[in-house]
Amino acid sequence: MSGSPYARSFGAQARAYDRFRPRYPAAALDYVLGTAADGSVPDDSAADGTVPDGTVPDSTARRRILDLGAGTGLLTRDLLGRAAEVLAVEPDDGMRAVLAEAVPEAVALAGSAERIPLPDASVDAVLVGQAFHWFARPAADRELARVLRPGGVVGLLWNFTDRSAPWVSELYAATQQPAPPEGYQPSDLDGALFTAPQRFRTEVQHELPGPDGLIGLANTWSWVTTRSPADRQAIDRRLRILIGRHAELQQPIIRLPGWTTVIRQYRR
């Protein structure tokens, strides 16, 4: 795992993370896996939706999907039914405990992107939600290639917030993080091991349960969780002031605008 101090900052906030962090739209999973859960082939206007031999992947033929860096299972639970077996690998004990409780149908394993506890060529697809930027490279690329069967697919997913909305910009300023943390950008897998990347983006709105939900979300962000208790209290005060200035932040449901970005690559 990356040496960033942020990388292991989430365990203490595991239940809040599970409650307030966004999940992933079905369109993003359909893009990675090629076929929707109901068996239909999605409209793929951003890329051709084919594997290297030109055929459309068949999700019903997949035996195993791995959610790598699974956290509390926000992505894992939406992979159920898309393969005969869903595995979830997570290094943090606190996050993995919530995962095992929330998604008992999946097999939760201790491990990391650099040391995946699975045999060679044992999975058909690997998905990574909001975690790839924490992985140590190139070790993680090699491990992904090792556990995937030839032709298997990797989907790297990120949820981003639309900071162009004025109150959203103020939200990040209140947490003293006006720009994404260094390195927090989509990047491709090693081209010697994987096919050229294909990209997909879909707009989303993350619904939060009122002002407390907005504050709860902010307190799961790595640059907030790693602050001192005094700093976090100061952030909470600034967030309360922000909420008082915007009527839309005082509603029972707050809608945070954004998008999901996907990078899809196949094992050579």
C-alpha atoms as a PDB file:
ATOM      1  CA  MET A   1       0.000   0.000   0.000  1.00  0.00           C
ATOM      2  CA  SER A   2       1.057   3.588  -0.640  1.00  0.00           C
ATOM      3  CA  GLY A   3       3.137   5.277   2.041  1.00  0.00           C
ATOM      4  CA  SER A   4       0.652   8.148   2.276  1.00  0.00           C
ATOM      5  CA  PRO A   5      -0.518   8.839   5.852  1.00  0.00           C
ATOM      6  CA  TYR A   6      -4.033   9.065   4.413  1.00  0.00           C
ATOM      7  CA  ALA A   7      -4.054   5.469   3.149  1.00  0.00           C
ATOM      8  CA  ARG A   8      -4.895   3.842   6.517  1.00  0.00           C
ATOM      9  CA  SER A   9      -6.912   6.741   7.961  1.00  0.00           C
ATOM     10  CA  PHE A  10     -10.405   5.305   7.495  1.00  0.00           C
ATOM     11  CA  GLY A  11     -10.722   2.474  10.015  1.00  0.00           C
ATOM     12  CA  ALA A  12     -11.708   4.675  12.941  1.00  0.00           C
ATOM     13  CA  GLN A  13     -14.500   6.136  10.799  1.00  0.00           C
ATOM     14  CA  ALA A  14     -15.638   2.827   9.293  1.00  0.00           C
ATOM     15  CA  ARG A  15     -19.315   3.037  10.245  1.00  0.00           C
ATOM     16  CA  ALA A  16     -19.592   6.694   9.235  1.00  0.00           C
ATOM     17  CA  TYR A  17     -17.781   5.852   5.996  1.00  0.00           C
ATOM     18  CA  ASP A  18     -20.324   3.135   5.267  1.00  0.00           C
ATOM     19  CA  ARG A  19     -23.238   5.427   6.066  1.00  0.00           C
ATOM     20  CA  PHE A  20     -22.193   8.628   4.317  1.00  0.00           C
ATOM     21  CA  ARG A  21     -19.882   7.739   1.428  1.00  0.00           C
ATOM     22  CA  PRO A  22     -21.473   7.344  -2.024  1.00  0.00           C
ATOM     23  CA  ARG A  23     -21.967   4.024  -3.762  1.00  0.00           C
ATOM     24  CA  TYR A  24     -21.361   3.444  -7.472  1.00  0.00           C
ATOM     25  CA  PRO A  25     -23.923   3.785 -10.285  1.00  0.00           C
ATOM     26  CA  ALA A  26     -25.070   0.666 -12.087  1.00  0.00           C
ATOM     27  CA  ALA A  27     -23.980   2.202 -15.396  1.00  0.00           C
ATOM     28  CA  ALA A  28     -20.370   2.214 -14.191  1.00  0.00           C
ATOM     29  CA  LEU A  29     -20.504  -1.466 -13.209  1.00  0.00           C
ATOM     30  CA  ASP A  30     -22.228  -2.370 -16.479  1.00  0.00           C
ATOM     31  CA  TYR A  31     -19.435  -0.610 -18.349  1.00  0.00           C
ATOM     32  CA  VAL A  32     -16.732  -2.622 -16.617  1.00  0.00           C
ATOM     33  CA  LEU A  33     -18.476  -5.974 -16.725  1.00  0.00           C
ATOM     34  CA  GLY A  34     -19.868  -5.625 -20.229  1.00  0.00           C
ATOM     35  CA  THR A  35     -23.345  -6.934 -19.500  1.00  0.00           C
ATOM     36  CA  ALA A  36     -25.913  -5.569 -17.074  1.00  0.00           C
ATOM     37  CA  ALA A  37     -27.082  -7.685 -14.164  1.00  0.00           C
ATOM     38  CA  ASP A  38     -30.337  -8.403 -16.021  1.00  0.00           C
ATOM     39  CA  GLY A  39     -28.407  -9.830 -18.981  1.00  0.00           C
ATOM     40  CA  SER A  40     -28.824  -6.854 -21.330  1.00  0.00           C
ATOM     41  CA  VAL A  41     -25.854  -5.221 -23.058  1.00  0.00           C
ATOM     42  CA  PRO A  42     -25.568  -1.573 -21.960  1.00  0.00           C
ATOM     43  CA  ASP A  43     -25.463   1.342 -24.382  1.00  0.00           C
ATOM     44  CA  ASP A  44     -21.731   2.063 -24.478  1.00  0.00           C
ATOM     45  CA  SER A  45     -21.255   5.387 -26.235  1.00  0.00           C
ATOM     46  CA  ALA A  46     -17.885   6.137 -24.604  1.00  0.00           C
ATOM     47  CA  ALA A  47     -16.162   2.980 -25.940  1.00  0.00           C
ATOM     48  CA  ASP A  48     -17.031  -0.077 -27.990  1.00  0.00           C
ATOM     49  CA  GLY A  49     -17.716  -2.413 -25.047  1.00  0.00           C
ATOM     50  CA  THR A  50     -15.740  -5.299 -26.504  1.00  0.00           C
ATOM     51  CA  VAL A  51     -12.926  -7.451 -25.190  1.00  0.00           C
ATOM     52  CA  PRO A  52      -9.718  -7.819 -27.239  1.00  0.00           C
ATOM     53  CA  ASP A  53     -11.101 -10.575 -29.501  1.00  0.00           C
ATOM     54  CA  GLY A  54     -14.061  -8.349 -30.419  1.00  0.00           C
ATOM     55  CA  THR A  55     -16.798 -10.196 -28.540  1.00  0.00           C
ATOM     56  CA  VAL A  56     -19.112  -8.723 -25.940  1.00  0.00           C
ATOM     57  CA  PRO A  57     -18.290 -10.105 -22.477  1.00  0.00           C
ATOM     58  CA  ASP A  58     -20.953 -12.325 -20.911  1.00  0.00           C
ATOM     59  CA  SER A  59     -21.406 -11.644 -17.189  1.00  0.00           C
ATOM     60  CA  THR A  60     -23.164 -14.985 -16.682  1.00  0.00           C
ATOM     61  CA  ALA A  61     -19.905 -16.782 -17.576  1.00  0.00           C
ATOM     62  CA  ARG A  62     -17.946 -15.090 -14.796  1.00  0.00           C
ATOM     63  CA  ARG A  63     -17.258 -17.290 -11.818  1.00  0.00           C
ATOM     64  CA  ARG A  64     -15.415 -14.872  -9.556  1.00  0.00           C
ATOM     65  CA  ILE A  65     -15.331 -11.077  -9.132  1.00  0.00           C
ATOM     66  CA  LEU A  66     -12.888  -9.433  -6.734  1.00  0.00           C
ATOM     67  CA  ASP A  67     -13.505  -6.079  -5.046  1.00  0.00           C
ATOM     68  CA  LEU A  68      -9.979  -4.950  -4.160  1.00  0.00           C
ATOM     69  CA  GLY A  69      -9.491  -2.357  -1.419  1.00  0.00           C
ATOM     70  CA  ALA A  70     -13.133  -2.978  -0.656  1.00  0.00           C
ATOM     71  CA  GLY A  71     -13.436  -0.815   2.451  1.00  0.00           C
ATOM     72  CA  THR A  72     -16.838  -1.362   4.053  1.00  0.00           C
ATOM     73  CA  GLY A  73     -18.272  -3.011   0.951  1.00  0.00           C
ATOM     74  CA  LEU A  74     -20.026  -0.059  -0.702  1.00  0.00           C
ATOM     75  CA  LEU A  75     -19.057  -1.495  -4.086  1.00  0.00           C
ATOM     76  CA  THR A  76     -19.113  -5.142  -2.988  1.00  0.00           C
ATOM     77  CA  ARG A  77     -22.841  -5.186  -2.282  1.00  0.00           C
ATOM     78  CA  ASP A  78     -23.642  -4.047  -5.827  1.00  0.00           C
ATOM     79  CA  LEU A  79     -21.490  -6.802  -7.327  1.00  0.00           C
ATOM     80  CA  LEU A  80     -23.649  -9.532  -5.800  1.00  0.00           C
ATOM     81  CA  GLY A  81     -25.515 -11.420  -8.512  1.00  0.00           C
ATOM     82  CA  ARG A  82     -23.020 -10.409 -11.200  1.00  0.00           C
ATOM     83  CA  ALA A  83     -20.919 -13.566 -10.723  1.00  0.00           C
ATOM     84  CA  ALA A  84     -21.197 -16.900  -8.959  1.00  0.00           C
ATOM     85  CA  GLU A  85     -18.811 -15.700  -6.236  1.00  0.00           C
ATOM     86  CA  VAL A  86     -17.872 -12.211  -5.021  1.00  0.00           C
ATOM     87  CA  LEU A  87     -14.648 -11.763  -3.056  1.00  0.00           C
ATOM     88  CA  ALA A  88     -13.621  -8.641  -1.147  1.00  0.00           C
ATOM     89  CA  VAL A  89     -10.047  -7.907  -0.026  1.00  0.00           C
ATOM     90  CA  GLU A  90      -9.462  -5.125   2.514  1.00  0.00           C
ATOM     91  CA  PRO A  91      -6.360  -4.460   4.668  1.00  0.00           C
ATOM     92  CA  ASP A  92      -7.985  -2.418   7.454  1.00  0.00           C
ATOM     93  CA  ASP A  93      -9.509  -4.529  10.239  1.00  0.00           C
ATOM     94  CA  GLY A  94     -12.147  -1.939  11.151  1.00  0.00           C
ATOM     95  CA  MET A  95     -13.324  -1.451   7.582  1.00  0.00           C
ATOM     96  CA  ARG A  96     -13.329  -5.209   6.925  1.00  0.00           C
ATOM     97  CA  ALA A  97     -15.427  -5.873  10.044  1.00  0.00           C
ATOM     98  CA  VAL A  98     -18.157  -3.550   8.761  1.00  0.00           C
ATOM     99  CA  LEU A  99     -17.869  -5.159   5.319  1.00  0.00           C
ATOM    100  CA  ALA A 100     -18.343  -8.663   6.719  1.00  0.00           C
ATOM    101  CA  GLU A 101     -21.398  -7.510   8.670  1.00  0.00           C
ATOM    102  CA  ALA A 102     -22.955  -5.516   5.827  1.00  0.00           C
ATOM    103  CA  VAL A 103     -22.281  -7.989   3.001  1.00  0.00           C
ATOM    104  CA  PRO A 104     -22.246 -11.510   4.480  1.00  0.00           C
ATOM    105  CA  GLU A 105     -22.869 -12.996   1.036  1.00  0.00           C
ATOM    106  CA  ALA A 106     -19.354 -11.974  -0.074  1.00  0.00           C
ATOM    107  CA  VAL A 107     -16.117 -13.620   1.028  1.00  0.00           C
ATOM    108  CA  ALA A 108     -14.199 -10.973   3.020  1.00  0.00           C
ATOM    109  CA  LEU A 109     -10.423 -11.490   3.136  1.00  0.00           C
ATOM    110  CA  ALA A 110      -7.557  -9.689   4.827  1.00  0.00           C
ATOM    111  CA  GLY A 111      -4.994  -8.549   2.280  1.00  0.00           C
ATOM    112  CA  SER A 112      -3.765  -5.662   0.193  1.00  0.00           C
ATOM    113  CA  ALA A 113      -3.355  -4.721  -3.453  1.00  0.00           C
ATOM    114  CA  GLU A 114       0.330  -5.599  -3.192  1.00  0.00           C
ATOM    115  CA  ARG A 115      -0.361  -8.989  -1.573  1.00  0.00           C
ATOM    116  CA  ILE A 116      -3.690 -10.390  -2.739  1.00  0.00           C
ATOM    117  CA  PRO A 117      -4.500 -13.641  -0.877  1.00  0.00           C
ATOM    118  CA  LEU A 118      -5.649 -15.538  -3.974  1.00  0.00           C
ATOM    119  CA  PRO A 119      -4.069 -18.058  -6.361  1.00  0.00           C
ATOM    120  CA  ASP A 120      -2.757 -17.190  -9.815  1.00  0.00           C
ATOM    121  CA  ALA A 121      -5.363 -16.734 -12.568  1.00  0.00           C
ATOM    122  CA  SER A 122      -8.240 -17.288 -10.145  1.00  0.00           C
ATOM    123  CA  VAL A 123     -10.618 -14.364 -10.852  1.00  0.00           C
ATOM    124  CA  ASP A 124     -12.438 -13.119 -13.937  1.00  0.00           C
ATOM    125  CA  ALA A 125     -12.826  -9.450 -12.956  1.00  0.00           C
ATOM    126  CA  VAL A 126     -11.325  -7.043 -10.429  1.00  0.00           C
ATOM    127  CA  LEU A 127     -13.021  -3.797  -9.473  1.00  0.00           C
ATOM    128  CA  VAL A 128     -11.440  -1.070  -7.372  1.00  0.00           C
ATOM    129  CA  GLY A 129     -13.642   1.659  -5.946  1.00  0.00           C
ATOM    130  CA  GLN A 130     -12.041   4.864  -4.654  1.00  0.00           C
ATOM    131  CA  ALA A 131      -8.819   3.062  -3.693  1.00  0.00           C
ATOM    132  CA  PHE A 132      -6.423   2.682  -6.637  1.00  0.00           C
ATOM    133  CA  HIS A 133      -4.632   5.949  -5.825  1.00  0.00           C
ATOM    134  CA  TRP A 134      -3.561   4.380  -2.501  1.00  0.00           C
ATOM    135  CA  PHE A 135      -1.922   1.349  -4.119  1.00  0.00           C
ATOM    136  CA  ALA A 136       1.858   0.982  -4.363  1.00  0.00           C
ATOM    137  CA  ARG A 137       2.932   0.808  -7.978  1.00  0.00           C
ATOM    138  CA  PRO A 138       4.112  -1.230  -9.845  1.00  0.00           C
ATOM    139  CA  ALA A 139       3.625  -3.998  -7.265  1.00  0.00           C
ATOM    140  CA  ALA A 140      -0.168  -3.645  -7.386  1.00  0.00           C
ATOM    141  CA  ASP A 141      -0.227  -3.840 -11.202  1.00  0.00           C
ATOM    142  CA  ARG A 142       1.733  -7.090 -11.094  1.00  0.00           C
ATOM    143  CA  GLU A 143      -0.575  -8.577  -8.440  1.00  0.00           C
ATOM    144  CA  LEU A 144      -3.665  -7.663 -10.432  1.00  0.00           C
ATOM    145  CA  ALA A 145      -2.175  -9.345 -13.489  1.00  0.00           C
ATOM    146  CA  ARG A 146      -1.239 -12.399 -11.410  1.00  0.00           C
ATOM    147  CA  VAL A 147      -4.714 -13.106  -9.986  1.00  0.00           C
ATOM    148  CA  LEU A 148      -6.621 -12.357 -13.210  1.00  0.00           C
ATOM    149  CA  ARG A 149      -7.235 -14.953 -15.865  1.00  0.00           C
ATOM    150  CA  PRO A 150      -6.026 -13.951 -19.368  1.00  0.00           C
ATOM    151  CA  GLY A 151      -8.667 -11.672 -20.873  1.00  0.00           C
ATOM    152  CA  GLY A 152     -10.026 -10.792 -17.445  1.00  0.00           C
ATOM    153  CA  VAL A 153     -11.128  -7.210 -16.860  1.00  0.00           C
ATOM    154  CA  VAL A 154     -10.084  -4.556 -14.346  1.00  0.00           C
ATOM    155  CA  GLY A 155     -12.364  -1.632 -13.556  1.00  0.00           C
ATOM    156  CA  LEU A 156     -10.921   1.327 -11.642  1.00  0.00           C
ATOM    157  CA  LEU A 157     -13.691   3.581 -10.301  1.00  0.00           C
ATOM    158  CA  TRP A 158     -13.629   7.007  -8.696  1.00  0.00           C
ATOM    159  CA  ASN A 159     -16.445   9.207  -7.411  1.00  0.00           C
ATOM    160  CA  PHE A 160     -15.751  12.925  -7.830  1.00  0.00           C
ATOM    161  CA  THR A 161     -17.644  15.927  -6.521  1.00  0.00           C
ATOM    162  CA  ASP A 162     -18.484  18.829  -8.827  1.00  0.00           C
ATOM    163  CA  ARG A 163     -16.572  21.648  -7.169  1.00  0.00           C
ATOM    164  CA  SER A 164     -17.861  24.228  -9.662  1.00  0.00           C
ATOM    165  CA  ALA A 165     -21.059  24.635  -7.606  1.00  0.00           C
ATOM    166  CA  PRO A 166     -20.420  27.615  -5.279  1.00  0.00           C
ATOM    167  CA  TRP A 167     -21.462  25.930  -2.048  1.00  0.00           C
ATOM    168  CA  VAL A 168     -19.448  22.821  -2.916  1.00  0.00           C
ATOM    169  CA  SER A 169     -16.354  24.953  -3.389  1.00  0.00           C
ATOM    170  CA  GLU A 170     -17.032  26.513   0.011  1.00  0.00           C
ATOM    171  CA  LEU A 171     -17.478  23.045   1.523  1.00  0.00           C
ATOM    172  CA  TYR A 172     -13.968  22.002   0.546  1.00  0.00           C
ATOM    173  CA  ALA A 173     -12.517  25.329   1.616  1.00  0.00           C
ATOM    174  CA  ALA A 174     -14.092  24.796   5.053  1.00  0.00           C
ATOM    175  CA  THR A 175     -12.170  21.518   5.348  1.00  0.00           C
ATOM    176  CA  GLN A 176      -8.980  23.304   4.225  1.00  0.00           C
ATOM    177  CA  GLN A 177      -8.671  21.133   1.144  1.00  0.00           C
ATOM    178  CA  PRO A 178      -9.673  23.368  -1.798  1.00  0.00           C
ATOM    179  CA  ALA A 179      -8.038  20.972  -4.301  1.00  0.00           C
ATOM    180  CA  PRO A 180      -7.942  17.160  -4.409  1.00  0.00           C
ATOM    181  CA  PRO A 181      -5.020  15.652  -2.467  1.00  0.00           C
ATOM    182  CA  GLU A 182      -1.823  15.103  -4.421  1.00  0.00           C
ATOM    183  CA  GLY A 183      -1.983  11.897  -6.433  1.00  0.00           C
ATOM    184  CA  TYR A 184      -5.769  11.637  -6.190  1.00  0.00           C
ATOM    185  CA  GLN A 185      -6.310  11.327  -9.932  1.00  0.00           C
ATOM    186  CA  PRO A 186      -7.243   8.415 -12.191  1.00  0.00           C
ATOM    187  CA  SER A 187      -4.249   6.605 -13.661  1.00  0.00           C
ATOM    188  CA  ASP A 188      -3.791   3.610 -15.949  1.00  0.00           C
ATOM    189  CA  LEU A 189      -2.448   0.130 -15.329  1.00  0.00           C
ATOM    190  CA  ASP A 190       0.861  -1.033 -16.795  1.00  0.00           C
ATOM    191  CA  GLY A 191       0.470  -1.287 -20.575  1.00  0.00           C
ATOM    192  CA  ALA A 192       2.831  -4.266 -20.732  1.00  0.00           C
ATOM    193  CA  LEU A 193       0.382  -6.301 -18.661  1.00  0.00           C
ATOM    194  CA  PHE A 194      -2.970  -4.808 -19.695  1.00  0.00           C
ATOM    195  CA  THR A 195      -4.636  -3.539 -22.854  1.00  0.00           C
ATOM    196  CA  ALA A 196      -4.959   0.178 -23.585  1.00  0.00           C
ATOM    197  CA  PRO A 197      -7.316   1.944 -21.158  1.00  0.00           C
ATOM    198  CA  GLN A 198     -10.908   2.726 -22.071  1.00  0.00           C
ATOM    199  CA  ARG A 199     -12.727   5.447 -20.156  1.00  0.00           C
ATOM    200  CA  PHE A 200     -16.297   6.120 -19.130  1.00  0.00           C
ATOM    201  CA  ARG A 201     -17.947   8.889 -17.135  1.00  0.00           C
ATOM    202  CA  THR A 202     -21.466   9.242 -15.818  1.00  0.00           C
ATOM    203  CA  GLU A 203     -23.059  12.088 -13.872  1.00  0.00           C
ATOM    204  CA  VAL A 204     -24.343  11.291 -10.370  1.00  0.00           C
ATOM    205  CA  GLN A 205     -25.958  12.979  -7.376  1.00  0.00           C
ATOM    206  CA  HIS A 206     -25.072  11.737  -3.923  1.00  0.00           C
ATOM    207  CA  GLU A 207     -27.994  12.104  -1.503  1.00  0.00           C
ATOM    208  CA  LEU A 208     -27.116  12.808   2.126  1.00  0.00           C
ATOM    209  CA  PRO A 209     -29.455  12.782   5.154  1.00  0.00           C
ATOM    210  CA  GLY A 210     -29.545  16.504   5.886  1.00  0.00           C
ATOM    211  CA  PRO A 211     -26.907  18.746   7.492  1.00  0.00           C
ATOM    212  CA  ASP A 212     -25.640  16.018   9.795  1.00  0.00           C
ATOM    213  CA  GLY A 213     -25.089  13.806   6.770  1.00  0.00           C
ATOM    214  CA  LEU A 214     -23.017  16.483   5.057  1.00  0.00           C
ATOM    215  CA  ILE A 215     -20.872  16.938   8.152  1.00  0.00           C
ATOM    216  CA  GLY A 216     -20.636  13.167   8.559  1.00  0.00           C
ATOM    217  CA  LEU A 217     -19.381  12.809   4.976  1.00  0.00           C
ATOM    218  CA  ALA A 218     -16.754  15.510   5.437  1.00  0.00           C
ATOM    219  CA  ASN A 219     -15.487  13.735   8.539  1.00  0.00           C
ATOM    220  CA  THR A 220     -14.747  10.609   6.479  1.00  0.00           C
ATOM    221  CA  TRP A 221     -12.411  12.468   4.101  1.00  0.00           C
ATOM    222  CA  SER A 222      -8.810  11.433   4.649  1.00  0.00           C
ATOM    223  CA  TRP A 223      -7.476  14.966   5.073  1.00  0.00           C
ATOM    224  CA  VAL A 224     -10.056  15.514   7.836  1.00  0.00           C
ATOM    225  CA  THR A 225      -9.729  12.163   9.641  1.00  0.00           C
ATOM    226  CA  THR A 226      -5.971  12.684   9.974  1.00  0.00           C
ATOM    227  CA  ARG A 227      -6.350  16.076  11.697  1.00  0.00           C
ATOM    228  CA  SER A 228      -6.123  16.627  15.434  1.00  0.00           C
ATOM    229  CA  PRO A 229      -9.364  16.621  17.481  1.00  0.00           C
ATOM    230  CA  ALA A 230      -9.122  20.419  17.841  1.00  0.00           C
ATOM    231  CA  ASP A 231      -8.745  20.860  14.081  1.00  0.00           C
ATOM    232  CA  ARG A 232     -11.734  18.592  13.398  1.00  0.00           C
ATOM    233  CA  GLN A 233     -13.868  20.571  15.839  1.00  0.00           C
ATOM    234  CA  ALA A 234     -12.871  23.780  14.040  1.00  0.00           C
ATOM    235  CA  ILE A 235     -13.830  22.195  10.705  1.00  0.00           C
ATOM    236  CA  ASP A 236     -17.226  21.195  12.122  1.00  0.00           C
ATOM    237  CA  ARG A 237     -17.824  24.778  13.249  1.00  0.00           C
ATOM    238  CA  ARG A 238     -16.997  26.129   9.802  1.00  0.00           C
ATOM    239  CA  LEU A 239     -19.310  23.556   8.226  1.00  0.00           C
ATOM    240  CA  ARG A 240     -22.175  24.637  10.520  1.00  0.00           C
ATOM    241  CA  ILE A 241     -21.627  28.244   9.448  1.00  0.00           C
ATOM    242  CA  LEU A 242     -21.649  27.167   5.781  1.00  0.00           C
ATOM    243  CA  ILE A 243     -24.915  25.264   6.279  1.00  0.00           C
ATOM    244  CA  GLY A 244     -26.475  28.329   7.873  1.00  0.00           C
ATOM    245  CA  ARG A 245     -25.679  30.399   4.780  1.00  0.00           C
ATOM    246  CA  HIS A 246     -27.317  28.079   2.211  1.00  0.00           C
ATOM    247  CA  ALA A 247     -30.992  27.078   2.325  1.00  0.00           C
ATOM    248  CA  GLU A 248     -30.344  23.983   0.184  1.00  0.00           C
ATOM    249  CA  LEU A 249     -28.042  22.655   2.910  1.00  0.00           C
ATOM    250  CA  GLN A 250     -30.788  22.855   5.511  1.00  0.00           C
ATOM    251  CA  GLN A 251     -33.097  20.356   3.784  1.00  0.00           C
ATOM    252  CA  PRO A 252     -33.825  16.753   4.905  1.00  0.00           C
ATOM    253  CA  ILE A 253     -31.999  15.551   1.780  1.00  0.00           C
ATOM    254  CA  ILE A 254     -28.875  17.301   0.492  1.00  0.00           C
ATOM    255  CA  ARG A 255     -27.831  16.471  -3.077  1.00  0.00           C
ATOM    256  CA  LEU A 256     -24.123  16.621  -3.754  1.00  0.00           C
ATOM    257  CA  PRO A 257     -23.471  16.867  -7.518  1.00  0.00           C
ATOM    258  CA  GLY A 258     -20.669  14.944  -9.162  1.00  0.00           C
ATOM    259  CA  TRP A 259     -19.678  12.151 -11.492  1.00  0.00           C
ATOM    260  CA  THR A 260     -18.159   8.667 -11.549  1.00  0.00           C
ATOM    261  CA  THR A 261     -15.074   8.062 -13.677  1.00  0.00           C
ATOM    262  CA  VAL A 262     -14.143   4.539 -14.811  1.00  0.00           C
ATOM    263  CA  ILE A 263     -10.979   3.157 -16.389  1.00  0.00           C
ATOM    264  CA  ARG A 264     -11.376  -0.303 -17.934  1.00  0.00           C
ATOM    265  CA  GLN A 265      -8.455  -2.522 -19.023  1.00  0.00           C
ATOM    266  CA  TYR A 266      -8.092  -6.210 -19.886  1.00  0.00           C
ATOM    267  CA  ARG A 267      -5.390  -8.675 -18.868  1.00  0.00           C
ATOM    268  CA  ARG A 268      -3.155  -9.482 -21.832  1.00  0.00           C
END
